Amino acid sequence: MPRCVVIIPSRYASSRFPGKPLALIAGKPMIQHVVERSRQASCVDGVIVATDDTRIVAAVHACGGEAVLTSSAHLTGTDRIAEVATQLTCDIVVNVQGDEPGIAPAALDALVQPLLDDPALLMATLARPLRDVAELLTPHVTKVVVDRAGYALYFSRSPLPYDRAAWPQAPQLLAAAGTTPTIPPGCQVHMGLYAYRRDFLLQLAQLPQTPLEQLEQLEQLRVLEYGYRIRVVSTTYESVGVDTPQDVARAERLLTPSA
């Protein structure tokens, strides 16, 4: 039985960048980069792309990868990978986003290791230090704070936690007034990578969405709202996420080998 399988949810439709899984980066479709780099993780026994589009299936098959055509009605990536996981017999499922062409194999190994070490652990994710105040303030970067044992207390698109001593007013207002807010201790950037026990993933996908999940548009909050714990693994891995056509050039520079 394969112990650990990576499932990569990949949609063709995107409001900001339609067809981005097939965007060419360093001569390859982006989804191919994600598949190839995920395969390099020592903990991974298999890699499957879960998609709702036959063009993505064809691109994955063309590079020798495995792809499964899933329902187009899924609301979240969790729902999409759960559909594929129902057909698997593995112990651990890793959710790797299809727009992360620079995913580091070592980061995947670090994410999975806590589940290998602790059979009772249900779920883990990655976080890295904040780079600057801009990341603290933007809602496009999800922040996370953890307890003393390394489990998530909360995820938010807002600055987290609120530094009452250093921020006499909201940090966005301080920045607008020309004052640089301080980065509060304990705040990290959440990386959208998850490792689950397969059975827990299937259970999670059956649970109704929760109020905080819907409010923040962060599906990992569903886990916390139902009383489950998420182990947060600290990493220095830097994401190479592609959300817009402008991001392709940056990814190209990072992924093209130096002459």
C-alpha atoms as a PDB file:
ATOM      1  CA  MET A   1       0.000   0.000   0.000  1.00  0.00           C
ATOM      2  CA  PRO A   2       1.442   3.418  -0.921  1.00  0.00           C
ATOM      3  CA  ARG A   3       1.941   5.372   2.282  1.00  0.00           C
ATOM      4  CA  CYS A   4       1.810   8.921   0.900  1.00  0.00           C
ATOM      5  CA  VAL A   5       0.205  10.288  -2.279  1.00  0.00           C
ATOM      6  CA  VAL A   6       0.320  13.884  -3.514  1.00  0.00           C
ATOM      7  CA  ILE A   7      -2.914  15.099  -5.103  1.00  0.00           C
ATOM      8  CA  ILE A   8      -2.693  18.366  -7.042  1.00  0.00           C
ATOM      9  CA  PRO A   9      -6.040  20.154  -7.518  1.00  0.00           C
ATOM     10  CA  SER A  10      -5.936  22.081 -10.792  1.00  0.00           C
ATOM     11  CA  ARG A  11      -8.723  24.113 -12.393  1.00  0.00           C
ATOM     12  CA  TYR A  12      -8.651  25.608 -15.871  1.00  0.00           C
ATOM     13  CA  ALA A  13     -11.039  28.441 -15.009  1.00  0.00           C
ATOM     14  CA  SER A  14      -9.610  31.383 -13.083  1.00  0.00           C
ATOM     15  CA  SER A  15     -10.989  34.890 -12.750  1.00  0.00           C
ATOM     16  CA  ARG A  16      -7.529  36.463 -12.851  1.00  0.00           C
ATOM     17  CA  PHE A  17      -5.720  33.993 -15.114  1.00  0.00           C
ATOM     18  CA  PRO A  18      -7.832  31.535 -17.152  1.00  0.00           C
ATOM     19  CA  GLY A  19      -5.871  28.475 -18.236  1.00  0.00           C
ATOM     20  CA  LYS A  20      -2.938  29.166 -15.923  1.00  0.00           C
ATOM     21  CA  PRO A  21      -2.093  25.471 -15.260  1.00  0.00           C
ATOM     22  CA  LEU A  22      -1.057  25.290 -18.934  1.00  0.00           C
ATOM     23  CA  ALA A  23       0.966  28.537 -18.975  1.00  0.00           C
ATOM     24  CA  LEU A  24       4.472  27.824 -20.236  1.00  0.00           C
ATOM     25  CA  ILE A  25       7.256  28.404 -17.724  1.00  0.00           C
ATOM     26  CA  ALA A  26      10.812  27.589 -18.793  1.00  0.00           C
ATOM     27  CA  GLY A  27       9.367  25.693 -21.750  1.00  0.00           C
ATOM     28  CA  LYS A  28       6.982  23.486 -19.764  1.00  0.00           C
ATOM     29  CA  PRO A  29       3.321  23.819 -18.726  1.00  0.00           C
ATOM     30  CA  MET A  30       3.151  24.998 -15.132  1.00  0.00           C
ATOM     31  CA  ILE A  31       1.324  21.851 -14.022  1.00  0.00           C
ATOM     32  CA  GLN A  32       4.234  19.752 -15.305  1.00  0.00           C
ATOM     33  CA  HIS A  33       6.660  21.615 -13.022  1.00  0.00           C
ATOM     34  CA  VAL A  34       4.411  20.891 -10.025  1.00  0.00           C
ATOM     35  CA  VAL A  35       4.159  17.194 -10.883  1.00  0.00           C
ATOM     36  CA  GLU A  36       7.877  16.742 -11.482  1.00  0.00           C
ATOM     37  CA  ARG A  37       8.976  18.543  -8.332  1.00  0.00           C
ATOM     38  CA  SER A  38       6.412  16.738  -6.168  1.00  0.00           C
ATOM     39  CA  ARG A  39       7.760  13.407  -7.424  1.00  0.00           C
ATOM     40  CA  GLN A  40      11.212  14.353  -6.116  1.00  0.00           C
ATOM     41  CA  ALA A  41      10.107  14.326  -2.466  1.00  0.00           C
ATOM     42  CA  SER A  42      11.484  11.227  -0.768  1.00  0.00           C
ATOM     43  CA  CYS A  43       8.268  10.664   1.223  1.00  0.00           C
ATOM     44  CA  VAL A  44       6.005  10.564  -1.843  1.00  0.00           C
ATOM     45  CA  ASP A  45       4.859   7.256  -3.343  1.00  0.00           C
ATOM     46  CA  GLY A  46       2.636   8.737  -6.050  1.00  0.00           C
ATOM     47  CA  VAL A  47       1.459  11.997  -7.644  1.00  0.00           C
ATOM     48  CA  ILE A  48      -2.002  12.538  -9.148  1.00  0.00           C
ATOM     49  CA  VAL A  49      -3.491  15.685 -10.705  1.00  0.00           C
ATOM     50  CA  ALA A  50      -7.188  16.218  -9.922  1.00  0.00           C
ATOM     51  CA  THR A  51      -8.780  18.472 -12.530  1.00  0.00           C
ATOM     52  CA  ASP A  52     -12.087  19.362 -14.130  1.00  0.00           C
ATOM     53  CA  ASP A  53     -10.640  19.981 -17.600  1.00  0.00           C
ATOM     54  CA  THR A  54      -9.565  17.535 -20.308  1.00  0.00           C
ATOM     55  CA  ARG A  55      -6.847  19.938 -21.549  1.00  0.00           C
ATOM     56  CA  ILE A  56      -5.064  19.664 -18.216  1.00  0.00           C
ATOM     57  CA  VAL A  57      -5.470  15.884 -18.253  1.00  0.00           C
ATOM     58  CA  ALA A  58      -3.855  15.795 -21.701  1.00  0.00           C
ATOM     59  CA  ALA A  59      -0.940  17.992 -20.602  1.00  0.00           C
ATOM     60  CA  VAL A  60      -0.256  15.783 -17.571  1.00  0.00           C
ATOM     61  CA  HIS A  61      -0.423  12.590 -19.615  1.00  0.00           C
ATOM     62  CA  ALA A  62       1.932  14.121 -22.188  1.00  0.00           C
ATOM     63  CA  CYS A  63       4.657  14.436 -19.553  1.00  0.00           C
ATOM     64  CA  GLY A  64       4.096  10.927 -18.239  1.00  0.00           C
ATOM     65  CA  GLY A  65       2.012  11.954 -15.245  1.00  0.00           C
ATOM     66  CA  GLU A  66      -1.254  10.657 -13.820  1.00  0.00           C
ATOM     67  CA  ALA A  67      -4.432  12.746 -13.910  1.00  0.00           C
ATOM     68  CA  VAL A  68      -8.036  12.145 -12.884  1.00  0.00           C
ATOM     69  CA  LEU A  69     -10.992  14.051 -14.310  1.00  0.00           C
ATOM     70  CA  THR A  70     -13.165  15.220 -11.394  1.00  0.00           C
ATOM     71  CA  SER A  71     -16.512  16.943 -10.996  1.00  0.00           C
ATOM     72  CA  SER A  72     -16.734  20.610 -12.003  1.00  0.00           C
ATOM     73  CA  ALA A  73     -19.125  21.296  -9.104  1.00  0.00           C
ATOM     74  CA  HIS A  74     -16.545  21.281  -6.293  1.00  0.00           C
ATOM     75  CA  LEU A  75     -16.424  24.475  -4.248  1.00  0.00           C
ATOM     76  CA  THR A  76     -12.950  23.931  -2.760  1.00  0.00           C
ATOM     77  CA  GLY A  77      -9.683  22.168  -3.479  1.00  0.00           C
ATOM     78  CA  THR A  78     -10.349  19.958  -0.451  1.00  0.00           C
ATOM     79  CA  ASP A  79     -13.523  18.663  -2.078  1.00  0.00           C
ATOM     80  CA  ARG A  80     -11.693  17.983  -5.349  1.00  0.00           C
ATOM     81  CA  ILE A  81      -8.843  15.999  -3.806  1.00  0.00           C
ATOM     82  CA  ALA A  82     -11.269  14.112  -1.569  1.00  0.00           C
ATOM     83  CA  GLU A  83     -13.064  12.820  -4.669  1.00  0.00           C
ATOM     84  CA  VAL A  84      -9.791  11.291  -5.858  1.00  0.00           C
ATOM     85  CA  ALA A  85      -8.784  10.087  -2.376  1.00  0.00           C
ATOM     86  CA  THR A  86     -11.937   7.968  -2.123  1.00  0.00           C
ATOM     87  CA  GLN A  87     -10.385   5.684  -4.771  1.00  0.00           C
ATOM     88  CA  LEU A  88      -7.008   5.397  -3.007  1.00  0.00           C
ATOM     89  CA  THR A  89      -5.756   3.049  -0.302  1.00  0.00           C
ATOM     90  CA  CYS A  90      -2.927   5.275   0.982  1.00  0.00           C
ATOM     91  CA  ASP A  91      -2.472   6.482   4.547  1.00  0.00           C
ATOM     92  CA  ILE A  92      -1.458  10.116   3.897  1.00  0.00           C
ATOM     93  CA  VAL A  93      -2.722  12.561   1.258  1.00  0.00           C
ATOM     94  CA  VAL A  94      -0.765  15.731   0.502  1.00  0.00           C
ATOM     95  CA  ASN A  95      -2.534  18.690  -1.103  1.00  0.00           C
ATOM     96  CA  VAL A  96      -0.095  20.599  -3.338  1.00  0.00           C
ATOM     97  CA  GLN A  97      -1.523  23.603  -5.169  1.00  0.00           C
ATOM     98  CA  GLY A  98      -1.346  23.445  -8.961  1.00  0.00           C
ATOM     99  CA  ASP A  99      -0.049  27.020  -9.172  1.00  0.00           C
ATOM    100  CA  GLU A 100       3.145  26.336  -7.169  1.00  0.00           C
ATOM    101  CA  PRO A 101       5.661  25.455  -9.923  1.00  0.00           C
ATOM    102  CA  GLY A 102       8.617  25.983  -7.577  1.00  0.00           C
ATOM    103  CA  ILE A 103       7.441  23.649  -4.825  1.00  0.00           C
ATOM    104  CA  ALA A 104      10.490  22.381  -2.922  1.00  0.00           C
ATOM    105  CA  PRO A 105      10.652  18.587  -2.481  1.00  0.00           C
ATOM    106  CA  ALA A 106      12.311  19.124   0.920  1.00  0.00           C
ATOM    107  CA  ALA A 107       9.326  21.213   2.027  1.00  0.00           C
ATOM    108  CA  LEU A 108       6.984  18.316   1.219  1.00  0.00           C
ATOM    109  CA  ASP A 109       9.168  15.936   3.224  1.00  0.00           C
ATOM    110  CA  ALA A 110       9.138  18.338   6.195  1.00  0.00           C
ATOM    111  CA  LEU A 111       5.336  18.634   5.947  1.00  0.00           C
ATOM    112  CA  VAL A 112       4.746  14.878   5.960  1.00  0.00           C
ATOM    113  CA  GLN A 113       7.307  13.938   8.626  1.00  0.00           C
ATOM    114  CA  PRO A 114       5.117  14.836  11.656  1.00  0.00           C
ATOM    115  CA  LEU A 115       2.415  12.441  10.412  1.00  0.00           C
ATOM    116  CA  LEU A 116       5.012   9.705   9.999  1.00  0.00           C
ATOM    117  CA  ASP A 117       6.299  10.364  13.525  1.00  0.00           C
ATOM    118  CA  ASP A 118       2.891  10.563  15.230  1.00  0.00           C
ATOM    119  CA  PRO A 119       0.193   8.085  14.128  1.00  0.00           C
ATOM    120  CA  ALA A 120      -2.428  10.120  16.040  1.00  0.00           C
ATOM    121  CA  LEU A 121      -1.789  13.323  14.079  1.00  0.00           C
ATOM    122  CA  LEU A 122      -4.576  14.060  11.596  1.00  0.00           C
ATOM    123  CA  MET A 123      -3.316  17.058   9.635  1.00  0.00           C
ATOM    124  CA  ALA A 124      -0.303  19.312   9.115  1.00  0.00           C
ATOM    125  CA  THR A 125       0.527  22.439   7.134  1.00  0.00           C
ATOM    126  CA  LEU A 126       3.498  24.754   6.485  1.00  0.00           C
ATOM    127  CA  ALA A 127       4.295  28.316   7.550  1.00  0.00           C
ATOM    128  CA  ARG A 128       7.266  30.630   7.061  1.00  0.00           C
ATOM    129  CA  PRO A 129       8.382  33.921   8.652  1.00  0.00           C
ATOM    130  CA  LEU A 130       6.892  37.190   7.417  1.00  0.00           C
ATOM    131  CA  ARG A 131       9.269  38.960   5.033  1.00  0.00           C
ATOM    132  CA  ASP A 132       8.039  42.502   5.552  1.00  0.00           C
ATOM    133  CA  VAL A 133       5.189  44.764   6.636  1.00  0.00           C
ATOM    134  CA  ALA A 134       3.613  44.591   3.179  1.00  0.00           C
ATOM    135  CA  GLU A 135       2.927  40.893   3.714  1.00  0.00           C
ATOM    136  CA  LEU A 136       1.477  41.651   7.125  1.00  0.00           C
ATOM    137  CA  LEU A 137      -1.004  44.147   5.678  1.00  0.00           C
ATOM    138  CA  THR A 138      -2.148  42.518   2.441  1.00  0.00           C
ATOM    139  CA  PRO A 139      -5.254  40.290   2.548  1.00  0.00           C
ATOM    140  CA  HIS A 140      -3.709  38.223  -0.258  1.00  0.00           C
ATOM    141  CA  VAL A 141      -1.235  36.712   2.249  1.00  0.00           C
ATOM    142  CA  THR A 142      -2.756  34.436   4.890  1.00  0.00           C
ATOM    143  CA  LYS A 143      -1.288  34.695   8.368  1.00  0.00           C
ATOM    144  CA  VAL A 144      -1.226  32.065  11.125  1.00  0.00           C
ATOM    145  CA  VAL A 145      -0.431  32.019  14.850  1.00  0.00           C
ATOM    146  CA  VAL A 146       0.301  28.839  16.782  1.00  0.00           C
ATOM    147  CA  ASP A 147       0.251  27.591  20.352  1.00  0.00           C
ATOM    148  CA  ARG A 148       3.329  26.493  22.320  1.00  0.00           C
ATOM    149  CA  ALA A 149       3.079  22.972  20.936  1.00  0.00           C
ATOM    150  CA  GLY A 150       3.063  24.186  17.321  1.00  0.00           C
ATOM    151  CA  TYR A 151      -0.644  23.776  16.584  1.00  0.00           C
ATOM    152  CA  ALA A 152      -2.635  26.452  14.762  1.00  0.00           C
ATOM    153  CA  LEU A 153      -4.654  28.829  16.904  1.00  0.00           C
ATOM    154  CA  TYR A 154      -6.074  30.860  14.011  1.00  0.00           C
ATOM    155  CA  PHE A 155      -5.591  31.768  10.352  1.00  0.00           C
ATOM    156  CA  SER A 156      -6.543  35.184   8.969  1.00  0.00           C
ATOM    157  CA  ARG A 157      -6.129  37.500   6.018  1.00  0.00           C
ATOM    158  CA  SER A 158      -5.817  40.366   8.512  1.00  0.00           C
ATOM    159  CA  PRO A 159      -2.689  41.305  10.529  1.00  0.00           C
ATOM    160  CA  LEU A 160      -2.425  38.764  13.302  1.00  0.00           C
ATOM    161  CA  PRO A 161      -2.104  39.139  16.298  1.00  0.00           C
ATOM    162  CA  TYR A 162      -3.050  42.719  17.175  1.00  0.00           C
ATOM    163  CA  ASP A 163      -0.091  44.447  18.848  1.00  0.00           C
ATOM    164  CA  ARG A 164      -1.908  46.674  21.341  1.00  0.00           C
ATOM    165  CA  ALA A 165       1.279  48.300  22.692  1.00  0.00           C
ATOM    166  CA  ALA A 166       2.827  49.120  19.310  1.00  0.00           C
ATOM    167  CA  TRP A 167      -0.336  49.901  17.319  1.00  0.00           C
ATOM    168  CA  PRO A 168      -2.370  52.762  18.832  1.00  0.00           C
ATOM    169  CA  GLN A 169      -4.587  52.401  15.804  1.00  0.00           C
ATOM    170  CA  ALA A 170      -5.139  49.810  13.081  1.00  0.00           C
ATOM    171  CA  PRO A 171      -1.837  48.953  11.341  1.00  0.00           C
ATOM    172  CA  GLN A 172      -3.325  49.863   7.945  1.00  0.00           C
ATOM    173  CA  LEU A 173      -4.048  53.370   9.246  1.00  0.00           C
ATOM    174  CA  LEU A 174      -0.524  53.659  10.616  1.00  0.00           C
ATOM    175  CA  ALA A 175       0.885  52.691   7.231  1.00  0.00           C
ATOM    176  CA  ALA A 176      -1.402  55.172   5.460  1.00  0.00           C
ATOM    177  CA  ALA A 177      -0.121  57.909   7.779  1.00  0.00           C
ATOM    178  CA  GLY A 178       3.481  57.077   6.894  1.00  0.00           C
ATOM    179  CA  THR A 179       4.310  55.155  10.073  1.00  0.00           C
ATOM    180  CA  THR A 180       5.712  51.653   9.604  1.00  0.00           C
ATOM    181  CA  PRO A 181       3.850  49.147  11.787  1.00  0.00           C
ATOM    182  CA  THR A 182       5.952  46.585  13.615  1.00  0.00           C
ATOM    183  CA  ILE A 183       5.693  42.908  12.745  1.00  0.00           C
ATOM    184  CA  PRO A 184       4.141  41.234  15.818  1.00  0.00           C
ATOM    185  CA  PRO A 185       5.977  38.268  17.343  1.00  0.00           C
ATOM    186  CA  GLY A 186       4.612  34.862  16.525  1.00  0.00           C
ATOM    187  CA  CYS A 187       2.976  35.825  13.232  1.00  0.00           C
ATOM    188  CA  GLN A 188       3.855  33.604  10.263  1.00  0.00           C
ATOM    189  CA  VAL A 189       2.820  33.372   6.626  1.00  0.00           C
ATOM    190  CA  HIS A 190       0.670  30.319   5.987  1.00  0.00           C
ATOM    191  CA  MET A 191       1.719  28.215   3.009  1.00  0.00           C
ATOM    192  CA  GLY A 192      -1.220  26.559   1.257  1.00  0.00           C
ATOM    193  CA  LEU A 193       0.131  23.009   1.505  1.00  0.00           C
ATOM    194  CA  TYR A 194      -1.561  20.337   3.607  1.00  0.00           C
ATOM    195  CA  ALA A 195      -0.940  16.741   4.633  1.00  0.00           C
ATOM    196  CA  TYR A 196      -3.905  14.729   5.909  1.00  0.00           C
ATOM    197  CA  ARG A 197      -4.687  11.249   7.072  1.00  0.00           C
ATOM    198  CA  ARG A 198      -6.775   9.955   4.186  1.00  0.00           C
ATOM    199  CA  ASP A 199      -9.714   9.017   6.420  1.00  0.00           C
ATOM    200  CA  PHE A 200      -9.699  12.444   8.062  1.00  0.00           C
ATOM    201  CA  LEU A 201      -9.662  14.183   4.662  1.00  0.00           C
ATOM    202  CA  LEU A 202     -12.730  12.218   3.582  1.00  0.00           C
ATOM    203  CA  GLN A 203     -14.473  13.083   6.848  1.00  0.00           C
ATOM    204  CA  LEU A 204     -13.544  16.766   6.491  1.00  0.00           C
ATOM    205  CA  ALA A 205     -14.946  16.980   2.974  1.00  0.00           C
ATOM    206  CA  GLN A 206     -18.331  15.786   4.268  1.00  0.00           C
ATOM    207  CA  LEU A 207     -18.595  18.513   6.913  1.00  0.00           C
ATOM    208  CA  PRO A 208     -20.642  21.633   6.057  1.00  0.00           C
ATOM    209  CA  GLN A 209     -18.728  24.879   5.594  1.00  0.00           C
ATOM    210  CA  THR A 210     -18.422  26.944   8.765  1.00  0.00           C
ATOM    211  CA  PRO A 211     -19.067  30.646   9.502  1.00  0.00           C
ATOM    212  CA  LEU A 212     -15.416  31.691   9.910  1.00  0.00           C
ATOM    213  CA  GLU A 213     -14.394  29.658   6.860  1.00  0.00           C
ATOM    214  CA  GLN A 214     -16.974  31.492   4.773  1.00  0.00           C
ATOM    215  CA  LEU A 215     -16.168  34.878   6.290  1.00  0.00           C
ATOM    216  CA  GLU A 216     -12.411  34.721   5.684  1.00  0.00           C
ATOM    217  CA  GLN A 217     -12.644  32.427   2.630  1.00  0.00           C
ATOM    218  CA  LEU A 218     -10.072  30.114   4.244  1.00  0.00           C
ATOM    219  CA  GLU A 219     -11.157  26.483   4.151  1.00  0.00           C
ATOM    220  CA  GLN A 220      -8.609  25.408   6.816  1.00  0.00           C
ATOM    221  CA  LEU A 221     -10.727  27.271   9.383  1.00  0.00           C
ATOM    222  CA  ARG A 222     -13.339  24.535   8.983  1.00  0.00           C
ATOM    223  CA  VAL A 223     -10.899  22.175  10.699  1.00  0.00           C
ATOM    224  CA  LEU A 224     -10.470  24.458  13.709  1.00  0.00           C
ATOM    225  CA  GLU A 225     -14.158  25.301  13.987  1.00  0.00           C
ATOM    226  CA  TYR A 226     -15.043  21.620  14.274  1.00  0.00           C
ATOM    227  CA  GLY A 227     -12.502  21.246  17.073  1.00  0.00           C
ATOM    228  CA  TYR A 228      -9.678  19.472  15.253  1.00  0.00           C
ATOM    229  CA  ARG A 229      -6.011  20.455  15.422  1.00  0.00           C
ATOM    230  CA  ILE A 230      -3.563  21.372  12.641  1.00  0.00           C
ATOM    231  CA  ARG A 231       0.160  20.936  13.228  1.00  0.00           C
ATOM    232  CA  VAL A 232       2.062  23.900  11.742  1.00  0.00           C
ATOM    233  CA  VAL A 233       5.556  23.074  10.475  1.00  0.00           C
ATOM    234  CA  SER A 234       7.901  26.048  10.237  1.00  0.00           C
ATOM    235  CA  THR A 235       9.948  26.298   7.049  1.00  0.00           C
ATOM    236  CA  THR A 236      12.130  28.737   5.141  1.00  0.00           C
ATOM    237  CA  TYR A 237      10.671  27.563   1.823  1.00  0.00           C
ATOM    238  CA  GLU A 238       9.666  30.494  -0.383  1.00  0.00           C
ATOM    239  CA  SER A 239       6.596  30.017  -2.539  1.00  0.00           C
ATOM    240  CA  VAL A 240       6.699  30.680  -6.276  1.00  0.00           C
ATOM    241  CA  GLY A 241       2.942  31.028  -6.623  1.00  0.00           C
ATOM    242  CA  VAL A 242       1.446  32.086  -9.956  1.00  0.00           C
ATOM    243  CA  ASP A 243      -1.837  33.989  -9.643  1.00  0.00           C
ATOM    244  CA  THR A 244      -1.705  36.398 -12.610  1.00  0.00           C
ATOM    245  CA  PRO A 245      -0.039  36.503 -16.047  1.00  0.00           C
ATOM    246  CA  GLN A 246       2.496  38.937 -14.573  1.00  0.00           C
ATOM    247  CA  ASP A 247       3.661  36.238 -12.129  1.00  0.00           C
ATOM    248  CA  VAL A 248       4.806  34.002 -14.994  1.00  0.00           C
ATOM    249  CA  ALA A 249       7.882  36.124 -15.699  1.00  0.00           C
ATOM    250  CA  ARG A 250       8.946  35.960 -12.041  1.00  0.00           C
ATOM    251  CA  ALA A 251       8.495  32.196 -11.969  1.00  0.00           C
ATOM    252  CA  GLU A 252      10.408  31.919 -15.234  1.00  0.00           C
ATOM    253  CA  ARG A 253      13.394  33.714 -13.716  1.00  0.00           C
ATOM    254  CA  LEU A 254      13.384  31.492 -10.645  1.00  0.00           C
ATOM    255  CA  LEU A 255      12.946  28.197 -12.482  1.00  0.00           C
ATOM    256  CA  THR A 256      15.161  28.718 -15.519  1.00  0.00           C
ATOM    257  CA  PRO A 257      18.597  27.144 -14.879  1.00  0.00           C
ATOM    258  CA  SER A 258      21.501  29.605 -14.927  1.00  0.00           C
ATOM    259  CA  ALA A 259      23.704  29.441 -18.003  1.00  0.00           C
END
